Amino acid sequence: MKSKIRNTFIISIIVISLLVLYKYLNTKFNFAIDCPIHKITKLYCPGCGITRMLFAILNLDFYQAFRYNPLLFITIPIWLFYLLDLVISYIKGKTSFFQKHINNKFWIALTIIFIVFGCMRNMPQFSYLLPTEITNYNN
């Protein structure tokens, strides 16, 4: 059990370090990884805006984070619970809550929702779903 906790801690430190490095490079040198789907097709995928959304969350600008990617922003609690559940079940060596209680229908439904969201955000009628920067929403 101690080795599992140690491994989890090491992986967490590595991930956090990479995120901090990426944030620093992005802030200092305007270094950003472009979405390859958008770059090639000029279409917005369901994940477009996630990096900017995460940076906005780090700056506690939740409205702007929502505007970058509303679906991912709304589903953050699910992803955090899922990740925490995986880590805890890995450390304890038990079956996770998601494996016990959430069946494949949930994941299929979530995948369909993301596909529909990806299609909708590329239609002119749903342009409000595009990753949008709100510069002056307090007035």
C-alpha atoms as a PDB file:
ATOM      1  CA  MET A   1       0.000   0.000   0.000  1.00  0.00           C
ATOM      2  CA  LYS A   2       2.867   2.405   0.754  1.00  0.00           C
ATOM      3  CA  SER A   3       4.302   1.896  -2.725  1.00  0.00           C
ATOM      4  CA  LYS A   4       0.899   2.708  -4.284  1.00  0.00           C
ATOM      5  CA  ILE A   5       0.665   5.912  -2.266  1.00  0.00           C
ATOM      6  CA  ARG A   6       4.244   6.799  -3.224  1.00  0.00           C
ATOM      7  CA  ASN A   7       3.556   6.101  -6.928  1.00  0.00           C
ATOM      8  CA  THR A   8       0.381   8.187  -6.835  1.00  0.00           C
ATOM      9  CA  PHE A   9       2.236  11.028  -5.126  1.00  0.00           C
ATOM     10  CA  ILE A  10       5.087  10.935  -7.676  1.00  0.00           C
ATOM     11  CA  ILE A  11       2.684  10.928 -10.623  1.00  0.00           C
ATOM     12  CA  SER A  12       0.731  13.811  -9.060  1.00  0.00           C
ATOM     13  CA  ILE A  13       3.914  15.864  -8.591  1.00  0.00           C
ATOM     14  CA  ILE A  14       4.956  15.224 -12.203  1.00  0.00           C
ATOM     15  CA  VAL A  15       1.525  16.198 -13.571  1.00  0.00           C
ATOM     16  CA  ILE A  16       1.326  19.336 -11.417  1.00  0.00           C
ATOM     17  CA  SER A  17       4.888  20.315 -12.413  1.00  0.00           C
ATOM     18  CA  LEU A  18       4.059  19.920 -16.103  1.00  0.00           C
ATOM     19  CA  LEU A  19       0.906  22.006 -15.709  1.00  0.00           C
ATOM     20  CA  VAL A  20       2.801  24.757 -13.876  1.00  0.00           C
ATOM     21  CA  LEU A  21       5.523  24.699 -16.561  1.00  0.00           C
ATOM     22  CA  TYR A  22       2.923  24.910 -19.322  1.00  0.00           C
ATOM     23  CA  LYS A  23       1.152  27.789 -17.551  1.00  0.00           C
ATOM     24  CA  TYR A  24       4.488  29.609 -17.153  1.00  0.00           C
ATOM     25  CA  LEU A  25       5.445  29.086 -20.809  1.00  0.00           C
ATOM     26  CA  ASN A  26       2.006  30.198 -21.928  1.00  0.00           C
ATOM     27  CA  THR A  27       2.060  33.317 -19.768  1.00  0.00           C
ATOM     28  CA  LYS A  28       5.679  34.326 -20.370  1.00  0.00           C
ATOM     29  CA  PHE A  29       6.157  33.364 -24.024  1.00  0.00           C
ATOM     30  CA  ASN A  30       2.569  32.993 -25.279  1.00  0.00           C
ATOM     31  CA  PHE A  31       3.307  29.308 -25.850  1.00  0.00           C
ATOM     32  CA  ALA A  32       0.122  27.368 -26.502  1.00  0.00           C
ATOM     33  CA  ILE A  33      -0.686  24.041 -28.086  1.00  0.00           C
ATOM     34  CA  ASP A  34      -3.242  24.546 -30.834  1.00  0.00           C
ATOM     35  CA  CYS A  35      -6.083  22.111 -31.335  1.00  0.00           C
ATOM     36  CA  PRO A  36      -5.010  19.941 -34.291  1.00  0.00           C
ATOM     37  CA  ILE A  37      -8.635  19.330 -35.332  1.00  0.00           C
ATOM     38  CA  HIS A  38      -9.370  23.058 -35.502  1.00  0.00           C
ATOM     39  CA  LYS A  39      -6.051  23.786 -37.207  1.00  0.00           C
ATOM     40  CA  ILE A  40      -6.677  21.229 -39.970  1.00  0.00           C
ATOM     41  CA  THR A  41     -10.458  21.417 -40.454  1.00  0.00           C
ATOM     42  CA  LYS A  42     -11.288  24.899 -39.064  1.00  0.00           C
ATOM     43  CA  LEU A  43     -14.022  23.152 -37.036  1.00  0.00           C
ATOM     44  CA  TYR A  44     -14.279  23.293 -33.263  1.00  0.00           C
ATOM     45  CA  CYS A  45     -14.079  19.923 -31.528  1.00  0.00           C
ATOM     46  CA  PRO A  46     -15.854  19.263 -28.209  1.00  0.00           C
ATOM     47  CA  GLY A  47     -12.559  19.930 -26.396  1.00  0.00           C
ATOM     48  CA  CYS A  48     -11.647  23.223 -28.059  1.00  0.00           C
ATOM     49  CA  GLY A  49     -11.088  25.868 -25.406  1.00  0.00           C
ATOM     50  CA  ILE A  50     -10.199  23.453 -22.605  1.00  0.00           C
ATOM     51  CA  THR A  51      -6.730  24.909 -21.955  1.00  0.00           C
ATOM     52  CA  ARG A  52      -8.060  28.457 -21.804  1.00  0.00           C
ATOM     53  CA  MET A  53     -10.918  27.196 -19.629  1.00  0.00           C
ATOM     54  CA  LEU A  54      -8.472  25.648 -17.161  1.00  0.00           C
ATOM     55  CA  PHE A  55      -6.373  28.846 -17.053  1.00  0.00           C
ATOM     56  CA  ALA A  56      -9.531  30.887 -16.418  1.00  0.00           C
ATOM     57  CA  ILE A  57     -10.455  28.530 -13.572  1.00  0.00           C
ATOM     58  CA  LEU A  58      -6.962  28.951 -12.105  1.00  0.00           C
ATOM     59  CA  ASN A  59      -7.568  32.715 -12.212  1.00  0.00           C
ATOM     60  CA  LEU A  60     -10.977  32.148 -10.531  1.00  0.00           C
ATOM     61  CA  ASP A  61     -12.747  33.588 -13.585  1.00  0.00           C
ATOM     62  CA  PHE A  62     -15.511  31.001 -13.733  1.00  0.00           C
ATOM     63  CA  TYR A  63     -17.757  32.903 -16.136  1.00  0.00           C
ATOM     64  CA  GLN A  64     -14.956  33.141 -18.678  1.00  0.00           C
ATOM     65  CA  ALA A  65     -14.106  29.477 -18.106  1.00  0.00           C
ATOM     66  CA  PHE A  66     -17.725  28.578 -18.893  1.00  0.00           C
ATOM     67  CA  ARG A  67     -17.604  30.648 -22.089  1.00  0.00           C
ATOM     68  CA  TYR A  68     -14.496  28.824 -23.337  1.00  0.00           C
ATOM     69  CA  ASN A  69     -16.106  25.382 -23.092  1.00  0.00           C
ATOM     70  CA  PRO A  70     -19.530  25.164 -21.434  1.00  0.00           C
ATOM     71  CA  LEU A  71     -19.926  21.383 -21.645  1.00  0.00           C
ATOM     72  CA  LEU A  72     -16.548  20.548 -20.156  1.00  0.00           C
ATOM     73  CA  PHE A  73     -17.045  23.207 -17.491  1.00  0.00           C
ATOM     74  CA  ILE A  74     -20.381  21.685 -16.469  1.00  0.00           C
ATOM     75  CA  THR A  75     -18.945  18.154 -16.399  1.00  0.00           C
ATOM     76  CA  ILE A  76     -15.851  19.044 -14.307  1.00  0.00           C
ATOM     77  CA  PRO A  77     -17.421  17.614 -11.117  1.00  0.00           C
ATOM     78  CA  ILE A  78     -17.953  14.267 -12.871  1.00  0.00           C
ATOM     79  CA  TRP A  79     -14.336  14.158 -14.095  1.00  0.00           C
ATOM     80  CA  LEU A  80     -12.939  15.180 -10.705  1.00  0.00           C
ATOM     81  CA  PHE A  81     -15.037  12.587  -8.889  1.00  0.00           C
ATOM     82  CA  TYR A  82     -14.007   9.953 -11.451  1.00  0.00           C
ATOM     83  CA  LEU A  83     -10.296  10.789 -11.093  1.00  0.00           C
ATOM     84  CA  LEU A  84     -10.457  10.877  -7.297  1.00  0.00           C
ATOM     85  CA  ASP A  85     -12.365   7.596  -7.291  1.00  0.00           C
ATOM     86  CA  LEU A  86      -9.716   5.957  -9.495  1.00  0.00           C
ATOM     87  CA  VAL A  87      -6.856   7.168  -7.309  1.00  0.00           C
ATOM     88  CA  ILE A  88      -8.512   6.076  -4.055  1.00  0.00           C
ATOM     89  CA  SER A  89      -9.521   2.681  -5.450  1.00  0.00           C
ATOM     90  CA  TYR A  90      -5.988   2.195  -6.826  1.00  0.00           C
ATOM     91  CA  ILE A  91      -4.440   2.962  -3.431  1.00  0.00           C
ATOM     92  CA  LYS A  92      -6.909   0.756  -1.537  1.00  0.00           C
ATOM     93  CA  GLY A  93      -6.750  -2.006  -4.143  1.00  0.00           C
ATOM     94  CA  LYS A  94     -10.534  -2.115  -4.399  1.00  0.00           C
ATOM     95  CA  THR A  95     -13.032  -1.785  -7.209  1.00  0.00           C
ATOM     96  CA  SER A  96     -13.921   1.837  -7.876  1.00  0.00           C
ATOM     97  CA  PHE A  97     -17.389   3.312  -7.423  1.00  0.00           C
ATOM     98  CA  PHE A  98     -17.610   3.930 -11.175  1.00  0.00           C
ATOM     99  CA  GLN A  99     -16.790   0.296 -11.945  1.00  0.00           C
ATOM    100  CA  LYS A 100     -19.375  -0.934  -9.439  1.00  0.00           C
ATOM    101  CA  HIS A 101     -22.270   1.450 -10.027  1.00  0.00           C
ATOM    102  CA  ILE A 102     -21.841   3.247 -13.354  1.00  0.00           C
ATOM    103  CA  ASN A 103     -22.359   1.049 -16.389  1.00  0.00           C
ATOM    104  CA  ASN A 104     -21.307   1.563 -19.989  1.00  0.00           C
ATOM    105  CA  LYS A 105     -24.620   3.238 -20.859  1.00  0.00           C
ATOM    106  CA  PHE A 106     -23.519   6.291 -18.860  1.00  0.00           C
ATOM    107  CA  TRP A 107     -20.233   6.559 -20.793  1.00  0.00           C
ATOM    108  CA  ILE A 108     -21.986   5.981 -24.126  1.00  0.00           C
ATOM    109  CA  ALA A 109     -24.526   8.705 -23.294  1.00  0.00           C
ATOM    110  CA  LEU A 110     -21.734  11.095 -22.277  1.00  0.00           C
ATOM    111  CA  THR A 111     -19.869  10.346 -25.525  1.00  0.00           C
ATOM    112  CA  ILE A 112     -23.013  11.034 -27.568  1.00  0.00           C
ATOM    113  CA  ILE A 113     -23.538  14.309 -25.682  1.00  0.00           C
ATOM    114  CA  PHE A 114     -19.965  15.376 -26.508  1.00  0.00           C
ATOM    115  CA  ILE A 115     -20.387  14.450 -30.194  1.00  0.00           C
ATOM    116  CA  VAL A 116     -23.664  16.383 -30.431  1.00  0.00           C
ATOM    117  CA  PHE A 117     -22.039  19.336 -28.643  1.00  0.00           C
ATOM    118  CA  GLY A 118     -19.126  19.213 -31.110  1.00  0.00           C
ATOM    119  CA  CYS A 119     -21.544  19.295 -34.049  1.00  0.00           C
ATOM    120  CA  MET A 120     -23.747  22.019 -32.568  1.00  0.00           C
ATOM    121  CA  ARG A 121     -20.896  24.407 -31.795  1.00  0.00           C
ATOM    122  CA  ASN A 122     -19.994  24.466 -35.501  1.00  0.00           C
ATOM    123  CA  MET A 123     -23.499  25.482 -36.624  1.00  0.00           C
ATOM    124  CA  PRO A 124     -24.219  29.201 -37.046  1.00  0.00           C
ATOM    125  CA  GLN A 125     -27.395  28.927 -34.903  1.00  0.00           C
ATOM    126  CA  PHE A 126     -25.275  27.807 -31.942  1.00  0.00           C
ATOM    127  CA  SER A 127     -22.355  30.206 -32.319  1.00  0.00           C
ATOM    128  CA  TYR A 128     -22.677  31.023 -28.614  1.00  0.00           C
ATOM    129  CA  LEU A 129     -21.125  27.584 -27.919  1.00  0.00           C
ATOM    130  CA  LEU A 130     -17.828  28.572 -29.558  1.00  0.00           C
ATOM    131  CA  PRO A 131     -14.805  29.221 -27.314  1.00  0.00           C
ATOM    132  CA  THR A 132     -15.485  32.905 -26.736  1.00  0.00           C
ATOM    133  CA  GLU A 133     -13.422  35.416 -24.833  1.00  0.00           C
ATOM    134  CA  ILE A 134     -15.555  37.851 -22.889  1.00  0.00           C
ATOM    135  CA  THR A 135     -13.499  40.989 -22.436  1.00  0.00           C
ATOM    136  CA  ASN A 136     -15.920  43.230 -20.594  1.00  0.00           C
ATOM    137  CA  TYR A 137     -18.826  41.334 -19.063  1.00  0.00           C
ATOM    138  CA  ASN A 138     -18.968  43.351 -15.810  1.00  0.00           C
ATOM    139  CA  ASN A 139     -20.556  46.414 -17.439  1.00  0.00           C
END
